[in-house]
Amino acid sequence: MNHSKRAATMATVAAMLAVAGCGGGGSSGDGADGVSGNVPPPPVSPTPPPPTTTHFTVFTRDLLVSAATSDTSEPVELESIEWAFTDDDNETTYDDVIAASGP
């Protein structure tokens, strides 16, 4: 009887070691690798760059100059441009634009 008691104890110990080696049979959910204290920090999303603005008068003048010098200009996507209007009360602001449009 001593032999069977010893075999039962050994089987129990072997089963406990097998379960302990598997992490207790369940997921701890403490971290990405299942080990408490080794949780990687969440990824930091980069902040988007501040929107760049396009000066409307300069853009218009450059567009008219390129249209006067080239018949094959590429189209420009206007909806994605953030416009800056800084020529509020300047009455002569468009003189160079008109001059750039040609004779």
N, C-alpha and C. Protein backbone atom coordinates (compact mmCIF):
# COMPACT_ATOMS: atom_id res chain seq x y z
N MET A 1 0.81 -1.18 0.00
CA MET A 1 0.00 0.00 0.00
C MET A 1 0.86 1.26 0.00
N ASN A 2 1.98 1.19 0.58
CA ASN A 2 2.89 2.31 0.62
C ASN A 2 3.32 2.69 -0.80
N HIS A 3 3.49 1.69 -1.65
CA HIS A 3 3.91 1.93 -3.02
C HIS A 3 2.82 2.67 -3.82
N SER A 4 1.56 2.33 -3.65
CA SER A 4 0.47 2.98 -4.37
C SER A 4 0.24 4.40 -3.86
N LYS A 5 0.46 4.60 -2.56
CA LYS A 5 0.33 5.95 -2.00
C LYS A 5 1.42 6.86 -2.58
N ARG A 6 2.60 6.32 -2.69
CA ARG A 6 3.72 7.07 -3.23
C ARG A 6 3.49 7.40 -4.71
N ALA A 7 2.95 6.48 -5.49
CA ALA A 7 2.67 6.70 -6.91
C ALA A 7 1.58 7.76 -7.08
N ALA A 8 0.60 7.75 -6.22
CA ALA A 8 -0.48 8.74 -6.28
C ALA A 8 0.06 10.13 -5.96
N THR A 9 0.95 10.21 -4.97
CA THR A 9 1.55 11.49 -4.61
C THR A 9 2.41 12.02 -5.75
N MET A 10 3.19 11.15 -6.35
CA MET A 10 4.03 11.55 -7.48
C MET A 10 3.19 12.02 -8.67
N ALA A 11 2.09 11.35 -8.93
CA ALA A 11 1.20 11.74 -10.02
C ALA A 11 0.58 13.09 -9.75
N THR A 12 0.19 13.33 -8.50
CA THR A 12 -0.39 14.62 -8.12
C THR A 12 0.63 15.74 -8.27
N VAL A 13 1.85 15.50 -7.81
CA VAL A 13 2.91 16.51 -7.92
C VAL A 13 3.23 16.78 -9.39
N ALA A 14 3.29 15.75 -10.21
CA ALA A 14 3.57 15.92 -11.64
C ALA A 14 2.46 16.72 -12.31
N ALA A 15 1.21 16.44 -11.94
CA ALA A 15 0.09 17.19 -12.51
C ALA A 15 0.13 18.65 -12.09
N MET A 16 0.48 18.90 -10.84
CA MET A 16 0.56 20.29 -10.36
C MET A 16 1.68 21.05 -11.07
N LEU A 17 2.81 20.39 -11.28
CA LEU A 17 3.91 21.03 -11.98
C LEU A 17 3.55 21.32 -13.44
N ALA A 18 2.82 20.40 -14.06
CA ALA A 18 2.40 20.62 -15.44
C ALA A 18 1.44 21.79 -15.55
N VAL A 19 0.52 21.88 -14.60
CA VAL A 19 -0.44 22.99 -14.62
C VAL A 19 0.27 24.31 -14.30
N ALA A 20 1.19 24.30 -13.37
CA ALA A 20 1.93 25.51 -13.02
C ALA A 20 2.80 25.97 -14.18
N GLY A 21 3.34 25.04 -14.95
CA GLY A 21 4.15 25.38 -16.11
C GLY A 21 3.34 26.00 -17.22
N CYS A 22 2.07 25.75 -17.24
CA CYS A 22 1.19 26.32 -18.28
C CYS A 22 0.57 27.62 -17.83
N GLY A 23 1.03 28.17 -16.74
CA GLY A 23 0.48 29.44 -16.28
C GLY A 23 -0.80 29.25 -15.50
N GLY A 24 -1.02 28.12 -14.93
CA GLY A 24 -2.20 27.91 -14.12
C GLY A 24 -3.41 27.50 -14.92
N GLY A 25 -3.25 27.28 -16.19
CA GLY A 25 -4.37 26.80 -17.00
C GLY A 25 -5.24 27.91 -17.55
N GLY A 26 -4.96 29.16 -17.26
CA GLY A 26 -5.78 30.26 -17.78
C GLY A 26 -4.90 31.45 -18.12
N SER A 27 -5.48 32.40 -18.76
CA SER A 27 -4.75 33.60 -19.13
C SER A 27 -4.92 34.63 -18.04
N SER A 28 -3.81 35.24 -17.62
CA SER A 28 -3.90 36.23 -16.57
C SER A 28 -4.41 37.56 -17.09
N GLY A 29 -4.11 37.87 -18.36
CA GLY A 29 -4.58 39.12 -18.95
C GLY A 29 -3.90 40.34 -18.39
N ASP A 30 -2.75 40.16 -17.67
CA ASP A 30 -2.07 41.31 -17.10
C ASP A 30 -1.28 42.10 -18.11
N GLY A 31 -0.90 41.48 -19.18
CA GLY A 31 -0.09 42.20 -20.15
C GLY A 31 -0.05 41.45 -21.46
N ALA A 32 0.70 42.02 -22.39
CA ALA A 32 0.78 41.42 -23.71
C ALA A 32 1.45 40.06 -23.66
N ASP A 33 2.41 39.89 -22.74
CA ASP A 33 3.09 38.61 -22.66
C ASP A 33 2.57 37.73 -21.52
N GLY A 34 1.52 38.15 -20.83
CA GLY A 34 0.91 37.36 -19.77
C GLY A 34 1.63 37.45 -18.45
N VAL A 35 2.67 38.26 -18.34
CA VAL A 35 3.43 38.38 -17.11
C VAL A 35 3.15 39.76 -16.53
N SER A 36 2.72 39.77 -15.30
CA SER A 36 2.41 41.03 -14.64
C SER A 36 3.67 41.86 -14.47
N GLY A 37 3.59 43.15 -14.74
CA GLY A 37 4.72 44.05 -14.59
C GLY A 37 5.51 44.27 -15.87
N ASN A 38 5.28 43.48 -16.89
CA ASN A 38 5.99 43.63 -18.15
C ASN A 38 5.06 44.14 -19.25
N VAL A 39 4.18 45.03 -18.90
CA VAL A 39 3.22 45.54 -19.87
C VAL A 39 3.88 46.67 -20.65
N PRO A 40 3.97 46.52 -21.98
CA PRO A 40 4.57 47.62 -22.76
C PRO A 40 3.62 48.82 -22.77
N PRO A 41 4.17 50.02 -22.83
CA PRO A 41 3.30 51.20 -22.88
C PRO A 41 2.53 51.22 -24.19
N PRO A 42 1.34 51.79 -24.18
CA PRO A 42 0.58 51.86 -25.43
C PRO A 42 1.30 52.75 -26.43
N PRO A 43 1.16 52.43 -27.71
CA PRO A 43 1.85 53.26 -28.70
C PRO A 43 1.31 54.68 -28.69
N VAL A 44 2.21 55.62 -28.80
CA VAL A 44 1.83 57.03 -28.82
C VAL A 44 1.61 57.43 -30.26
N SER A 45 0.40 57.90 -30.54
CA SER A 45 0.12 58.33 -31.91
C SER A 45 0.76 59.69 -32.13
N PRO A 46 1.43 59.85 -33.26
CA PRO A 46 2.08 61.13 -33.53
C PRO A 46 1.04 62.22 -33.74
N THR A 47 1.36 63.39 -33.23
CA THR A 47 0.45 64.51 -33.43
C THR A 47 0.60 64.98 -34.87
N PRO A 48 -0.52 65.28 -35.50
CA PRO A 48 -0.43 65.74 -36.89
C PRO A 48 0.24 67.10 -36.95
N PRO A 49 0.95 67.35 -38.04
CA PRO A 49 1.59 68.66 -38.15
C PRO A 49 0.53 69.74 -38.29
N PRO A 50 0.85 70.95 -37.86
CA PRO A 50 -0.14 72.01 -38.01
C PRO A 50 -0.43 72.25 -39.49
N PRO A 51 -1.66 72.56 -39.81
CA PRO A 51 -1.97 72.75 -41.22
C PRO A 51 -1.21 73.94 -41.79
N THR A 52 -0.65 73.74 -42.95
CA THR A 52 0.04 74.84 -43.60
C THR A 52 -0.98 75.59 -44.44
N THR A 53 -0.85 76.87 -44.47
CA THR A 53 -1.79 77.68 -45.23
C THR A 53 -1.12 78.18 -46.50
N THR A 54 -1.92 78.40 -47.50
CA THR A 54 -1.46 78.91 -48.78
C THR A 54 -1.98 80.33 -48.93
N HIS A 55 -1.08 81.25 -49.16
CA HIS A 55 -1.46 82.65 -49.34
C HIS A 55 -2.21 82.77 -50.67
N PHE A 56 -3.44 83.20 -50.62
CA PHE A 56 -4.30 83.23 -51.79
C PHE A 56 -3.74 84.11 -52.91
N THR A 57 -3.28 85.30 -52.58
CA THR A 57 -2.79 86.22 -53.61
C THR A 57 -1.55 85.66 -54.31
N VAL A 58 -0.63 85.10 -53.53
CA VAL A 58 0.59 84.53 -54.11
C VAL A 58 0.23 83.34 -54.99
N PHE A 59 -0.67 82.48 -54.52
CA PHE A 59 -1.09 81.32 -55.30
C PHE A 59 -1.72 81.74 -56.62
N THR A 60 -2.60 82.73 -56.58
CA THR A 60 -3.28 83.20 -57.79
C THR A 60 -2.29 83.80 -58.77
N ARG A 61 -1.36 84.61 -58.28
CA ARG A 61 -0.36 85.22 -59.15
C ARG A 61 0.50 84.14 -59.81
N ASP A 62 0.96 83.15 -59.03
CA ASP A 62 1.79 82.08 -59.58
C ASP A 62 1.02 81.23 -60.59
N LEU A 63 -0.25 81.01 -60.33
CA LEU A 63 -1.08 80.24 -61.25
C LEU A 63 -1.25 80.97 -62.58
N LEU A 64 -1.47 82.27 -62.52
CA LEU A 64 -1.62 83.05 -63.75
C LEU A 64 -0.31 83.13 -64.52
N VAL A 65 0.80 83.24 -63.83
CA VAL A 65 2.10 83.27 -64.51
C VAL A 65 2.36 81.93 -65.20
N SER A 66 2.07 80.82 -64.53
CA SER A 66 2.32 79.52 -65.15
C SER A 66 1.35 79.27 -66.31
N ALA A 67 0.14 79.79 -66.23
CA ALA A 67 -0.82 79.63 -67.32
C ALA A 67 -0.39 80.45 -68.54
N ALA A 68 0.24 81.59 -68.30
CA ALA A 68 0.68 82.43 -69.41
C ALA A 68 1.92 81.86 -70.09
N THR A 69 2.71 81.08 -69.38
CA THR A 69 3.95 80.58 -69.96
C THR A 69 3.88 79.12 -70.40
N SER A 70 2.81 78.41 -70.03
CA SER A 70 2.73 76.99 -70.38
C SER A 70 1.30 76.63 -70.74
N ASP A 71 1.15 75.90 -71.84
CA ASP A 71 -0.18 75.45 -72.24
C ASP A 71 -0.52 74.09 -71.64
N THR A 72 0.43 73.46 -71.00
CA THR A 72 0.23 72.10 -70.48
C THR A 72 0.40 72.03 -68.96
N SER A 73 -0.09 73.01 -68.25
CA SER A 73 0.02 72.99 -66.79
C SER A 73 -0.86 71.88 -66.22
N GLU A 74 -0.38 71.28 -65.15
CA GLU A 74 -1.14 70.24 -64.46
C GLU A 74 -2.24 70.88 -63.64
N PRO A 75 -3.38 70.21 -63.50
CA PRO A 75 -4.45 70.75 -62.66
C PRO A 75 -4.03 70.78 -61.19
N VAL A 76 -4.62 71.68 -60.44
CA VAL A 76 -4.30 71.83 -59.02
C VAL A 76 -5.54 71.46 -58.22
N GLU A 77 -5.36 70.60 -57.20
CA GLU A 77 -6.45 70.21 -56.31
C GLU A 77 -6.70 71.35 -55.33
N LEU A 78 -7.82 72.02 -55.45
CA LEU A 78 -8.09 73.20 -54.63
C LEU A 78 -8.81 72.88 -53.32
N GLU A 79 -9.54 71.79 -53.27
CA GLU A 79 -10.33 71.49 -52.07
C GLU A 79 -9.47 71.15 -50.85
N SER A 80 -8.28 70.66 -51.06
CA SER A 80 -7.44 70.26 -49.93
C SER A 80 -6.54 71.39 -49.44
N ILE A 81 -6.61 72.56 -50.05
CA ILE A 81 -5.75 73.68 -49.66
C ILE A 81 -6.40 74.49 -48.56
N GLU A 82 -5.61 74.80 -47.53
CA GLU A 82 -6.04 75.68 -46.44
C GLU A 82 -5.59 77.09 -46.82
N TRP A 83 -6.55 77.96 -47.12
CA TRP A 83 -6.25 79.29 -47.65
C TRP A 83 -5.97 80.28 -46.54
N ALA A 84 -5.08 81.25 -46.83
CA ALA A 84 -4.81 82.38 -45.94
C ALA A 84 -5.09 83.65 -46.71
N PHE A 85 -5.98 84.46 -46.19
CA PHE A 85 -6.33 85.75 -46.80
C PHE A 85 -5.80 86.85 -45.88
N THR A 86 -4.65 87.38 -46.23
CA THR A 86 -4.01 88.37 -45.37
C THR A 86 -3.96 89.76 -46.00
N ASP A 87 -4.64 89.94 -47.11
CA ASP A 87 -4.59 91.22 -47.83
C ASP A 87 -5.87 92.03 -47.62
N ASP A 88 -6.41 92.00 -46.44
CA ASP A 88 -7.74 92.53 -46.15
C ASP A 88 -8.02 93.93 -46.72
N ASP A 89 -7.34 94.92 -46.23
CA ASP A 89 -7.66 96.30 -46.63
C ASP A 89 -6.67 96.91 -47.61
N ASN A 90 -5.81 96.12 -48.17
CA ASN A 90 -4.82 96.61 -49.11
C ASN A 90 -5.45 96.72 -50.49
N GLU A 91 -5.69 97.94 -50.96
CA GLU A 91 -6.38 98.16 -52.24
C GLU A 91 -5.50 97.82 -53.44
N THR A 92 -4.21 97.82 -53.28
CA THR A 92 -3.32 97.55 -54.41
C THR A 92 -2.81 96.11 -54.42
N THR A 93 -3.38 95.27 -53.61
CA THR A 93 -2.85 93.91 -53.47
C THR A 93 -2.94 93.10 -54.75
N TYR A 94 -3.94 93.34 -55.58
CA TYR A 94 -4.11 92.53 -56.78
C TYR A 94 -3.50 93.17 -58.02
N ASP A 95 -2.80 94.28 -57.86
CA ASP A 95 -2.16 94.91 -59.03
C ASP A 95 -1.13 93.99 -59.64
N ASP A 96 -0.32 93.31 -58.80
CA ASP A 96 0.69 92.40 -59.36
C ASP A 96 0.04 91.15 -59.93
N VAL A 97 -1.13 90.76 -59.42
CA VAL A 97 -1.85 89.62 -59.99
C VAL A 97 -2.35 89.97 -61.38
N ILE A 98 -2.91 91.14 -61.53
CA ILE A 98 -3.41 91.58 -62.83
C ILE A 98 -2.25 91.74 -63.81
N ALA A 99 -1.14 92.27 -63.33
CA ALA A 99 0.04 92.42 -64.18
C ALA A 99 0.59 91.04 -64.60
N ALA A 100 0.49 90.06 -63.73
CA ALA A 100 1.00 88.72 -64.04
C ALA A 100 0.12 88.00 -65.05
N SER A 101 -1.13 88.41 -65.18
CA SER A 101 -2.04 87.73 -66.09
C SER A 101 -1.73 88.03 -67.56
N GLY A 102 -0.84 88.96 -67.78
CA GLY A 102 -0.40 89.22 -69.15
C GLY A 102 -1.02 90.48 -69.73
N PRO A 103 -0.63 90.78 -70.98
CA PRO A 103 -1.09 92.00 -71.64
C PRO A 103 -2.58 91.96 -71.99
